[in-house]
Amino acid sequence: MPPVGFLHVDEPPGDVHIKYGYINGDEYYVLKVASAFYNNAELNLPVNNGVIPVSSRQSDGIEYILLDEGWLTDIRTAAAGQLPRSIWRIGR
C-alpha cells in the first residue's frame, strides 16, 4: 500500500489525507479522502469530513460512494484506540 497522501491548507487552517488500498483477489479497490478544517466548529459545521469511492477492479467503474461526514473516521479512530497495544505490534 502506498504512503498516505497529504495536503496542507493554510487558510482556513486544515488538512486533507488521501488513503487507498485493496485486498489481493478482491473485486474492489477503495480511496478515502478525509479532511479536517479546524475553524469549522466556530461556524457550527463538522470539523472533519470525507468521501470513500469504492471502485471495481475489473472495470474501474465506481460502484459505491460512502459519504463519511466524519462518522466513519471517528468510529475507526475510536475502535483503533480500544485495541490492546499487543495487537498493534503484530504487524511490526
Protein backbone atom coordinates (compact mmCIF):
# COMPACT_ATOMS: atom_id res chain seq x y z
CA MET A 1 0.00 0.00 0.00
CA PRO A 2 1.44 3.42 -0.92
CA PRO A 3 2.03 6.05 1.75
CA VAL A 4 -0.79 8.40 2.74
CA GLY A 5 -1.16 11.47 0.55
CA PHE A 6 -1.27 14.76 2.46
CA LEU A 7 -2.37 18.29 1.55
CA HIS A 8 -1.92 21.17 3.99
CA VAL A 9 -4.19 24.22 3.74
CA ASP A 10 -3.08 27.47 5.40
CA GLU A 11 -6.28 29.49 5.25
CA PRO A 12 -8.65 28.40 6.55
CA PRO A 13 -6.44 26.04 8.56
CA GLY A 14 -6.93 22.44 7.60
CA ASP A 15 -5.52 19.34 6.02
CA VAL A 16 -6.59 16.60 3.66
CA HIS A 17 -5.42 12.97 3.79
CA ILE A 18 -5.71 10.60 0.84
CA LYS A 19 -5.57 6.85 1.53
CA TYR A 20 -6.02 3.92 -0.81
CA GLY A 21 -5.88 0.18 -0.84
CA TYR A 22 -7.18 -3.17 -1.94
CA ILE A 23 -7.02 -6.79 -0.91
CA ASN A 24 -5.39 -9.15 -3.43
CA GLY A 25 -8.08 -11.11 -5.24
CA ASP A 26 -10.91 -8.83 -4.12
CA GLU A 27 -13.16 -7.28 -6.75
CA TYR A 28 -12.89 -3.72 -5.40
CA TYR A 29 -10.33 -1.09 -4.52
CA VAL A 30 -11.00 1.98 -2.38
CA LEU A 31 -9.84 5.54 -1.98
CA LYS A 32 -10.53 7.66 1.07
CA VAL A 33 -10.27 11.41 1.04
CA ALA A 34 -10.66 12.72 4.58
CA SER A 35 -10.35 16.35 5.58
CA ALA A 36 -10.23 18.38 8.76
CA PHE A 37 -10.82 22.13 8.77
CA TYR A 38 -10.36 23.33 12.30
CA ASN A 39 -12.27 26.63 12.17
CA ASN A 40 -15.47 24.83 11.13
CA ALA A 41 -16.51 24.40 14.76
CA GLU A 42 -16.83 28.19 15.01
CA LEU A 43 -19.20 28.06 12.00
CA ASN A 44 -21.26 25.28 13.60
CA LEU A 45 -20.04 22.86 10.91
CA PRO A 46 -18.34 19.47 11.34
CA VAL A 47 -14.57 19.75 11.67
CA ASN A 48 -13.87 16.61 9.65
CA ASN A 49 -15.41 15.16 6.53
CA GLY A 50 -14.61 12.68 3.79
CA VAL A 51 -15.69 10.55 0.91
CA ILE A 52 -14.86 6.95 0.02
CA PRO A 53 -15.41 5.83 -3.58
CA VAL A 54 -15.44 2.03 -3.96
CA SER A 55 -14.38 1.04 -7.48
CA SER A 56 -14.44 -2.18 -9.47
CA ARG A 57 -11.00 -3.61 -10.16
CA GLN A 58 -12.47 -5.21 -13.29
CA SER A 59 -13.97 -2.15 -14.99
CA ASP A 60 -12.56 0.74 -12.89
CA GLY A 61 -16.15 1.98 -12.53
CA ILE A 62 -17.26 3.47 -9.23
CA GLU A 63 -19.70 1.00 -7.68
CA TYR A 64 -20.42 2.77 -4.38
CA ILE A 65 -19.76 6.12 -2.76
CA LEU A 66 -19.65 6.31 1.02
CA LEU A 67 -20.10 9.81 2.41
CA ASP A 68 -18.03 9.85 5.56
CA GLU A 69 -19.26 13.13 7.09
CA GLY A 70 -16.72 12.39 9.83
CA TRP A 71 -18.65 9.40 11.14
CA LEU A 72 -16.57 6.60 9.59
CA THR A 73 -13.33 8.35 10.53
CA ASP A 74 -14.48 8.89 14.13
CA ILE A 75 -15.66 5.28 14.51
CA ARG A 76 -12.43 3.88 13.05
CA THR A 77 -10.31 6.08 15.29
CA ALA A 78 -12.34 5.14 18.36
CA ALA A 79 -12.15 1.41 17.52
CA ALA A 80 -8.40 1.55 16.90
CA GLY A 81 -7.96 3.32 20.22
CA GLN A 82 -9.62 0.41 22.00
CA LEU A 83 -7.30 -2.25 20.59
CA PRO A 84 -4.70 -3.52 23.06
CA ARG A 85 -1.14 -2.44 22.27
CA SER A 86 -0.14 -6.08 21.84
CA ILE A 87 -2.31 -6.23 18.69
CA TRP A 88 -0.62 -3.11 17.28
CA ARG A 89 2.77 -4.85 17.42
CA ILE A 90 1.74 -7.93 15.43
CA GLY A 91 2.37 -6.28 12.07
CA ARG A 92 5.72 -4.81 13.08
